[in-house]
Amino acid sequence: MIVTTAPDANFAQRLLEESGLASPHEPVDMALVSTLVAKHYHVSGNLERLATEKDDTFRLRTGSGNYLVKVSPPDEPEAAVALQTAVMRFLEDTAPELPVQRVKLTVDGNDNVVLAAGDGKTRVLRVLGFVDGEVLAQTHAEPGQLARAGELLGHVDLALAAFSHPADRRGLVWDIRHFHRLTGLAEHTPDSGHRRLAREVFALFEAAVVPDLDHLETQVIHGDFSPHNIVVDRRHDDFVTGVIDFGDTLRTAVIFDPAVALANLLGRTPGSPWREACAFAAGYDKVRPIKDGELPLLPVAALARLTLRALLTDWRARRVPERRDYLLSHAENDWLNVERALAVPLGEVVAHLAARPS
């Protein structure tokens, strides 16, 4: 249970539950997955379990190609999975030039297969195209390449402006708009220095972002355009060759989409912790210009997202030890990067972001 003041204690716990993060679950049986994929997709091969945050994910190697098989956690609503699929379908239909992961239909023409998970709950199995290549997190990208990644997210957001879905207003703990109501997460961070950093970021967010939350432009966004979800090829002119994992897609402030990407790029060049983030932002702004009134909020939102991941990692690593290695592999330097980013005056960061080429 999250320890914080009421009513935010109940809000935080409910949000974690809606996000599928509040309880562990038994991994789905691989033999069952193989049987279901063969029956409903007429595809068979060798399954390899992949480490993930909350669902069960497999790489399926076949003689004719590779697929990604995903089975949602039992506490994730079917509507949330339907939203993720609908977004990919929409982009495939309306912006086919974008390298977005594709959804494979069952032999009956369905997007997924629903299976019982016990206690009256269900899980959703989907088969997606497997996007081969390196992810951005494994590469040393130059500023120009990061700008191209930012341009692609700009194109994705422009395409998604016309998209809507009955479940797109779902509650998600990763949604930056809720950050100021999750202060209780800091109680689960054992290091006092990390708690101090968290309080500093909470204060920045409360002062800079919260007053404008109700006035920010909103739409459905990718929600997790992180270096782990961007497939790249340094030999390719466009650099980005695949966009994967729409698991955090939802309707929220558009400015939070590039903020997620920036959060994941903070501190990767220790001597200039905002360098890569600013390069990405410049590319995004070139395609989808950031409003002058929202530009100062971008670095604060990025700091909030990075702090949120550090806090949730501390909380989940103790609660779900079987996923500890995966969680820590994605967040091992988060607190250090928060500290590095905070060492640069935000006024300097905003000025750099605002210095757009003429």
Protein backbone atom coordinates (compact mmCIF):
# COMPACT_ATOMS: atom_id res chain seq x y z
CA MET A 1 0.00 0.00 0.00
CA ILE A 2 1.24 3.50 -0.83
CA VAL A 3 1.85 5.61 2.25
CA THR A 4 0.70 9.20 1.69
CA THR A 5 -1.97 11.61 2.83
CA ALA A 6 -5.66 11.07 2.07
CA PRO A 7 -7.26 11.34 -0.41
CA ASP A 8 -4.15 10.90 -2.56
CA ALA A 9 -3.33 7.59 -0.87
CA ASN A 10 -6.44 5.98 -2.33
CA PHE A 11 -5.88 7.72 -5.66
CA ALA A 12 -2.30 6.42 -5.94
CA GLN A 13 -3.27 2.86 -5.06
CA ARG A 14 -6.16 2.90 -7.54
CA LEU A 15 -3.93 4.30 -10.27
CA LEU A 16 -1.33 1.58 -9.69
CA GLU A 17 -4.04 -1.06 -9.89
CA GLU A 18 -5.47 0.41 -13.11
CA SER A 19 -1.95 0.41 -14.53
CA GLY A 20 -1.48 -3.30 -13.83
CA LEU A 21 1.39 -2.66 -11.42
CA ALA A 22 -0.18 -3.30 -8.02
CA SER A 23 0.03 -7.08 -7.92
CA PRO A 24 2.29 -9.80 -9.28
CA HIS A 25 0.94 -12.67 -11.36
CA GLU A 26 2.01 -16.14 -12.38
CA PRO A 27 3.81 -16.21 -15.75
CA VAL A 28 1.69 -17.69 -18.51
CA ASP A 29 2.65 -21.20 -19.57
CA MET A 30 4.77 -21.22 -22.74
CA ALA A 31 3.20 -24.46 -23.99
CA LEU A 32 -0.23 -22.83 -23.77
CA VAL A 33 1.00 -19.81 -25.71
CA SER A 34 2.44 -22.07 -28.44
CA THR A 35 -0.84 -23.96 -28.69
CA LEU A 36 -2.95 -20.81 -28.92
CA VAL A 37 -0.72 -19.18 -31.52
CA ALA A 38 -0.73 -22.33 -33.66
CA LYS A 39 -4.51 -22.69 -33.37
CA HIS A 40 -5.55 -19.09 -33.90
CA TYR A 41 -2.76 -17.76 -36.12
CA HIS A 42 -1.54 -20.91 -37.88
CA VAL A 43 2.00 -19.94 -36.91
CA SER A 44 4.48 -22.14 -35.07
CA GLY A 45 8.14 -22.02 -34.15
CA ASN A 46 10.47 -21.51 -31.20
CA LEU A 47 9.28 -19.27 -28.38
CA GLU A 48 11.74 -17.24 -26.31
CA ARG A 49 10.51 -15.42 -23.20
CA LEU A 50 11.59 -11.77 -23.02
CA ALA A 51 11.94 -9.69 -19.86
CA THR A 52 9.22 -7.04 -19.51
CA GLU A 53 7.73 -4.67 -16.97
CA LYS A 54 4.39 -6.39 -16.37
CA ASP A 55 3.07 -8.56 -19.21
CA ASP A 56 4.33 -11.83 -20.69
CA THR A 57 6.19 -11.27 -23.93
CA PHE A 58 7.82 -13.78 -26.27
CA ARG A 59 9.86 -13.72 -29.44
CA LEU A 60 8.52 -16.33 -31.85
CA ARG A 61 11.03 -17.51 -34.43
CA THR A 62 9.55 -19.22 -37.46
CA GLY A 63 10.93 -20.38 -40.77
CA SER A 64 9.36 -17.42 -42.55
CA GLY A 65 10.06 -14.64 -40.04
CA ASN A 66 9.82 -13.51 -36.44
CA TYR A 67 6.88 -12.31 -34.37
CA LEU A 68 6.34 -10.76 -30.97
CA VAL A 69 3.70 -12.50 -28.85
CA LYS A 70 2.27 -10.49 -25.96
CA VAL A 71 -0.07 -11.68 -23.21
CA SER A 72 -1.51 -8.89 -21.07
CA PRO A 73 -1.43 -9.13 -17.26
CA PRO A 74 -4.70 -10.31 -15.69
CA ASP A 75 -5.36 -6.97 -14.00
CA GLU A 76 -5.10 -4.94 -17.22
CA PRO A 77 -8.58 -4.26 -18.64
CA GLU A 78 -9.35 -5.66 -22.08
CA ALA A 79 -10.35 -2.13 -23.11
CA ALA A 80 -6.82 -0.89 -22.43
CA VAL A 81 -5.37 -3.57 -24.70
CA ALA A 82 -7.98 -2.73 -27.35
CA LEU A 83 -6.84 0.91 -27.18
CA GLN A 84 -3.22 -0.06 -27.82
CA THR A 85 -4.20 -2.19 -30.79
CA ALA A 86 -6.51 0.48 -32.19
CA VAL A 87 -3.71 3.06 -32.13
CA MET A 88 -1.40 0.80 -34.13
CA ARG A 89 -4.19 -0.01 -36.58
CA PHE A 90 -5.02 3.68 -36.99
CA LEU A 91 -1.41 4.62 -37.74
CA GLU A 92 -1.05 1.73 -40.17
CA ASP A 93 -4.14 2.95 -42.06
CA THR A 94 -3.64 6.71 -41.93
CA ALA A 95 0.16 7.08 -41.85
CA PRO A 96 1.55 3.87 -43.38
CA GLU A 97 4.88 5.56 -44.06
CA LEU A 98 5.60 5.64 -40.31
CA PRO A 99 7.61 2.59 -39.16
CA VAL A 100 5.11 1.54 -36.50
CA GLN A 101 4.84 -2.07 -35.29
CA ARG A 102 2.02 -3.98 -37.01
CA VAL A 103 -0.69 -6.19 -35.50
CA LYS A 104 -1.24 -9.64 -37.02
CA LEU A 105 -4.82 -10.85 -37.40
CA THR A 106 -5.98 -14.29 -36.30
CA VAL A 107 -7.18 -16.69 -38.98
CA ASP A 108 -10.72 -15.56 -38.07
CA GLY A 109 -9.83 -11.91 -38.65
CA ASN A 110 -9.60 -10.87 -34.99
CA ASP A 111 -6.98 -8.65 -33.35
CA ASN A 112 -6.41 -10.94 -30.39
CA VAL A 113 -7.31 -14.06 -28.44
CA VAL A 114 -8.87 -13.81 -24.97
CA LEU A 115 -8.00 -16.47 -22.39
CA ALA A 116 -9.21 -17.08 -18.86
CA ALA A 117 -6.76 -16.23 -16.08
CA GLY A 118 -8.68 -17.37 -12.98
CA ASP A 119 -10.66 -15.36 -10.43
CA GLY A 120 -12.95 -14.30 -13.25
CA LYS A 121 -10.16 -12.31 -14.93
CA THR A 122 -9.02 -12.56 -18.52
CA ARG A 123 -5.79 -12.05 -20.40
CA VAL A 124 -5.37 -10.95 -23.99
CA LEU A 125 -2.94 -12.59 -26.39
CA ARG A 126 -1.76 -10.67 -29.45
CA VAL A 127 0.76 -11.39 -32.17
CA LEU A 128 2.72 -8.43 -33.53
CA GLY A 129 5.37 -8.05 -36.17
CA PHE A 130 8.87 -8.33 -34.71
CA VAL A 131 10.98 -5.27 -35.51
CA ASP A 132 14.59 -6.38 -35.92
CA GLY A 133 17.49 -4.08 -35.14
CA GLU A 134 19.21 -2.18 -32.38
CA VAL A 135 17.23 -0.05 -29.98
CA LEU A 136 18.36 3.51 -29.39
CA ALA A 137 19.31 2.65 -25.80
CA GLN A 138 22.09 0.41 -27.13
CA THR A 139 23.62 3.00 -29.44
CA HIS A 140 25.64 6.17 -29.17
CA ALA A 141 23.53 8.54 -31.23
CA GLU A 142 24.78 11.86 -32.57
CA PRO A 143 22.69 15.01 -32.06
CA GLY A 144 21.49 14.93 -35.67
CA GLN A 145 20.29 11.35 -35.25
CA LEU A 146 18.48 12.23 -32.04
CA ALA A 147 16.84 15.12 -33.86
CA ARG A 148 15.55 12.66 -36.47
CA ALA A 149 14.11 10.53 -33.69
CA GLY A 150 12.39 13.66 -32.39
CA GLU A 151 11.05 14.41 -35.86
CA LEU A 152 9.50 10.96 -36.05
CA LEU A 153 7.69 11.40 -32.73
CA GLY A 154 6.43 14.72 -34.06
CA HIS A 155 4.98 12.91 -37.07
CA VAL A 156 3.39 10.27 -34.83
CA ASP A 157 1.73 12.94 -32.70
CA LEU A 158 0.49 14.82 -35.74
CA ALA A 159 -1.06 11.60 -37.07
CA LEU A 160 -2.66 10.74 -33.72
CA ALA A 161 -4.32 14.14 -33.36
CA ALA A 162 -7.38 12.76 -35.15
CA PHE A 163 -7.54 9.52 -33.17
CA SER A 164 -10.00 8.74 -30.38
CA HIS A 165 -11.09 5.61 -28.54
CA PRO A 166 -13.56 4.87 -25.71
CA ALA A 167 -10.68 3.82 -23.43
CA ASP A 168 -8.22 6.60 -24.23
CA ARG A 169 -8.91 8.45 -20.96
CA ARG A 170 -7.81 5.51 -18.84
CA GLY A 171 -5.90 6.02 -15.63
CA LEU A 172 -2.17 5.31 -15.91
CA VAL A 173 0.44 5.88 -13.25
CA TRP A 174 2.99 6.78 -15.94
CA ASP A 175 0.87 9.73 -17.06
CA ILE A 176 2.92 12.76 -16.00
CA ARG A 177 -0.22 14.77 -15.19
CA HIS A 178 -0.62 12.68 -12.01
CA PHE A 179 2.95 13.18 -10.78
CA HIS A 180 2.14 15.73 -8.07
CA ARG A 181 -0.35 13.30 -6.49
CA LEU A 182 2.23 10.53 -6.08
CA THR A 183 4.46 12.08 -3.45
CA GLY A 184 3.88 9.07 -1.20
CA LEU A 185 6.04 6.95 -3.47
CA ALA A 186 9.09 8.64 -1.97
CA GLU A 187 8.41 6.80 1.29
CA HIS A 188 9.49 3.59 -0.46
CA THR A 189 12.84 4.97 -1.58
CA PRO A 190 15.46 3.91 0.98
CA ASP A 191 18.12 6.51 0.20
CA SER A 192 17.61 9.85 1.93
CA GLY A 193 19.51 11.68 -0.81
CA HIS A 194 17.15 10.25 -3.41
CA ARG A 195 14.15 11.32 -1.35
CA ARG A 196 15.59 14.85 -1.24
CA LEU A 197 15.93 14.87 -5.04
CA ALA A 198 12.35 13.64 -5.39
CA ARG A 199 11.04 16.41 -3.13
CA GLU A 200 12.91 19.00 -5.21
CA VAL A 201 11.34 17.74 -8.43
CA PHE A 202 7.88 17.53 -6.83
CA ALA A 203 8.24 21.18 -5.81
CA LEU A 204 9.32 22.23 -9.30
CA PHE A 205 6.38 20.42 -10.86
CA GLU A 206 3.91 21.86 -8.38
CA ALA A 207 5.09 25.38 -9.13
CA ALA A 208 5.62 25.20 -12.89
CA VAL A 209 3.27 22.58 -14.34
CA VAL A 210 0.30 22.08 -12.00
CA PRO A 211 -1.16 25.59 -12.49
CA ASP A 212 -1.35 24.94 -16.26
CA LEU A 213 -2.51 21.31 -16.24
CA ASP A 214 -6.09 22.12 -17.13
CA HIS A 215 -5.05 24.38 -20.00
CA LEU A 216 -2.58 22.15 -21.88
CA GLU A 217 -3.45 20.83 -25.32
CA THR A 218 -4.42 17.17 -25.11
CA GLN A 219 -4.71 14.23 -27.48
CA VAL A 220 -3.79 10.54 -27.62
CA ILE A 221 -0.01 10.05 -27.51
CA HIS A 222 2.42 7.14 -27.69
CA GLY A 223 3.25 7.65 -24.03
CA ASP A 224 6.58 5.79 -23.85
CA PHE A 225 8.79 6.96 -26.70
CA SER A 226 11.90 5.86 -24.82
CA PRO A 227 15.24 4.66 -26.23
CA HIS A 228 14.11 1.09 -25.49
CA ASN A 229 11.12 1.50 -27.82
CA ILE A 230 12.90 3.11 -30.75
CA VAL A 231 14.57 0.74 -33.21
CA VAL A 232 17.37 2.37 -35.20
CA ASP A 233 19.80 1.71 -38.01
CA ARG A 234 22.78 4.08 -38.18
CA ARG A 235 23.24 3.22 -41.85
CA HIS A 236 19.69 4.31 -42.70
CA ASP A 237 19.05 7.92 -43.72
CA ASP A 238 15.99 8.17 -41.47
CA PHE A 239 17.90 6.53 -38.56
CA VAL A 240 14.70 5.32 -36.85
CA THR A 241 13.42 2.12 -38.47
CA GLY A 242 10.81 1.04 -35.93
CA VAL A 243 8.49 2.34 -33.21
CA ILE A 244 7.33 -0.32 -30.77
CA ASP A 245 5.38 -0.78 -27.53
CA PHE A 246 2.20 1.27 -27.36
CA GLY A 247 1.44 -0.13 -23.90
CA ASP A 248 1.31 3.34 -22.29
CA THR A 249 -0.76 5.07 -24.96
CA LEU A 250 -3.51 7.36 -23.62
CA ARG A 251 -5.06 10.81 -23.93
CA THR A 252 -3.11 13.41 -22.00
CA ALA A 253 -1.16 16.64 -22.54
CA VAL A 254 0.72 16.42 -25.86
CA ILE A 255 3.79 18.07 -24.33
CA PHE A 256 4.23 14.98 -22.16
CA ASP A 257 5.07 12.81 -25.18
CA PRO A 258 8.40 14.50 -25.95
CA ALA A 259 8.92 14.90 -22.19
CA VAL A 260 9.06 11.11 -21.84
CA ALA A 261 11.74 10.92 -24.52
CA LEU A 262 13.73 13.73 -22.93
CA ALA A 263 13.54 12.06 -19.52
CA ASN A 264 15.22 8.98 -20.94
CA LEU A 265 18.01 11.01 -22.52
CA LEU A 266 18.94 13.10 -19.46
CA GLY A 267 22.45 12.61 -18.13
CA ARG A 268 23.69 10.31 -20.89
CA THR A 269 26.46 12.87 -21.52
CA PRO A 270 27.46 13.66 -17.91
CA GLY A 271 29.34 16.87 -18.72
CA SER A 272 26.29 18.24 -20.56
CA PRO A 273 23.29 16.37 -19.12
CA TRP A 274 20.66 18.13 -21.26
CA ARG A 275 22.59 17.90 -24.56
CA GLU A 276 20.89 14.82 -26.01
CA ALA A 277 17.46 15.80 -24.70
CA CYS A 278 17.71 19.21 -26.36
CA ALA A 279 18.77 17.64 -29.66
CA PHE A 280 15.68 15.42 -29.60
CA ALA A 281 13.43 18.34 -28.67
CA ALA A 282 14.78 20.39 -31.58
CA GLY A 283 13.77 17.65 -34.02
CA TYR A 284 10.33 17.29 -32.47
CA ASP A 285 9.75 21.05 -32.53
CA LYS A 286 10.72 21.18 -36.20
CA VAL A 287 7.83 18.88 -37.14
CA ARG A 288 5.30 19.73 -34.43
CA PRO A 289 6.15 23.16 -33.03
CA ILE A 290 5.95 23.41 -29.25
CA LYS A 291 3.83 26.31 -28.05
CA ASP A 292 5.77 29.13 -26.41
CA GLY A 293 3.69 28.82 -23.26
CA GLU A 294 4.39 25.08 -22.98
CA LEU A 295 8.11 25.19 -23.75
CA PRO A 296 9.16 26.10 -20.15
CA LEU A 297 7.12 23.15 -18.88
CA LEU A 298 8.95 20.60 -21.03
CA PRO A 299 12.16 20.23 -18.96
CA VAL A 300 10.18 20.10 -15.70
CA ALA A 301 7.91 17.41 -17.11
CA ALA A 302 10.99 15.49 -18.25
CA LEU A 303 12.48 15.67 -14.76
CA ALA A 304 9.15 14.55 -13.32
CA ARG A 305 8.97 11.51 -15.59
CA LEU A 306 12.55 10.46 -14.82
CA THR A 307 11.92 10.88 -11.09
CA LEU A 308 8.68 8.93 -11.39
CA ARG A 309 10.48 5.99 -12.99
CA ALA A 310 13.12 6.02 -10.26
CA LEU A 311 10.41 6.07 -7.56
CA LEU A 312 8.33 3.32 -9.18
CA THR A 313 11.42 1.18 -9.70
CA ASP A 314 12.29 1.39 -6.01
CA TRP A 315 8.70 0.49 -5.12
CA ARG A 316 8.25 -2.35 -7.62
CA ALA A 317 11.69 -3.91 -7.22
CA ARG A 318 10.78 -4.75 -3.63
CA ARG A 319 7.20 -5.73 -4.36
CA VAL A 320 7.82 -7.83 -7.50
CA PRO A 321 11.33 -9.28 -7.03
CA GLU A 322 11.00 -11.62 -10.04
CA ARG A 323 11.10 -8.54 -12.31
CA ARG A 324 13.76 -6.72 -10.30
CA ASP A 325 16.59 -7.24 -12.81
CA TYR A 326 14.53 -5.93 -15.70
CA LEU A 327 13.34 -2.92 -13.75
CA LEU A 328 16.80 -1.98 -12.54
CA SER A 329 18.34 -2.47 -15.99
CA HIS A 330 16.12 0.32 -17.31
CA ALA A 331 16.57 2.63 -14.33
CA GLU A 332 19.97 1.94 -12.81
CA ASN A 333 21.25 5.52 -13.28
CA ASP A 334 17.97 7.38 -12.86
CA TRP A 335 18.74 9.06 -9.56
CA LEU A 336 22.21 10.04 -10.75
CA ASN A 337 20.74 11.50 -13.92
CA VAL A 338 18.10 13.43 -11.97
CA GLU A 339 20.90 14.93 -9.88
CA ARG A 340 22.96 15.79 -12.94
CA ALA A 341 20.01 17.42 -14.70
CA LEU A 342 19.02 19.44 -11.63
CA ALA A 343 22.55 20.84 -11.44
CA VAL A 344 21.86 22.86 -14.60
CA PRO A 345 19.68 25.94 -14.02
CA LEU A 346 16.33 25.35 -15.70
CA GLY A 347 16.45 28.86 -17.13
CA GLU A 348 19.49 27.84 -19.17
CA VAL A 349 17.73 24.72 -20.41
CA VAL A 350 14.62 26.67 -21.46
CA ALA A 351 16.77 29.28 -23.20
CA HIS A 352 18.53 26.53 -25.14
CA LEU A 353 15.22 24.96 -26.12
CA ALA A 354 13.85 28.34 -27.19
CA ALA A 355 16.86 29.11 -29.39
CA ARG A 356 15.18 27.63 -32.45
CA PRO A 357 16.95 27.98 -35.79
CA SER A 358 15.45 30.67 -37.97
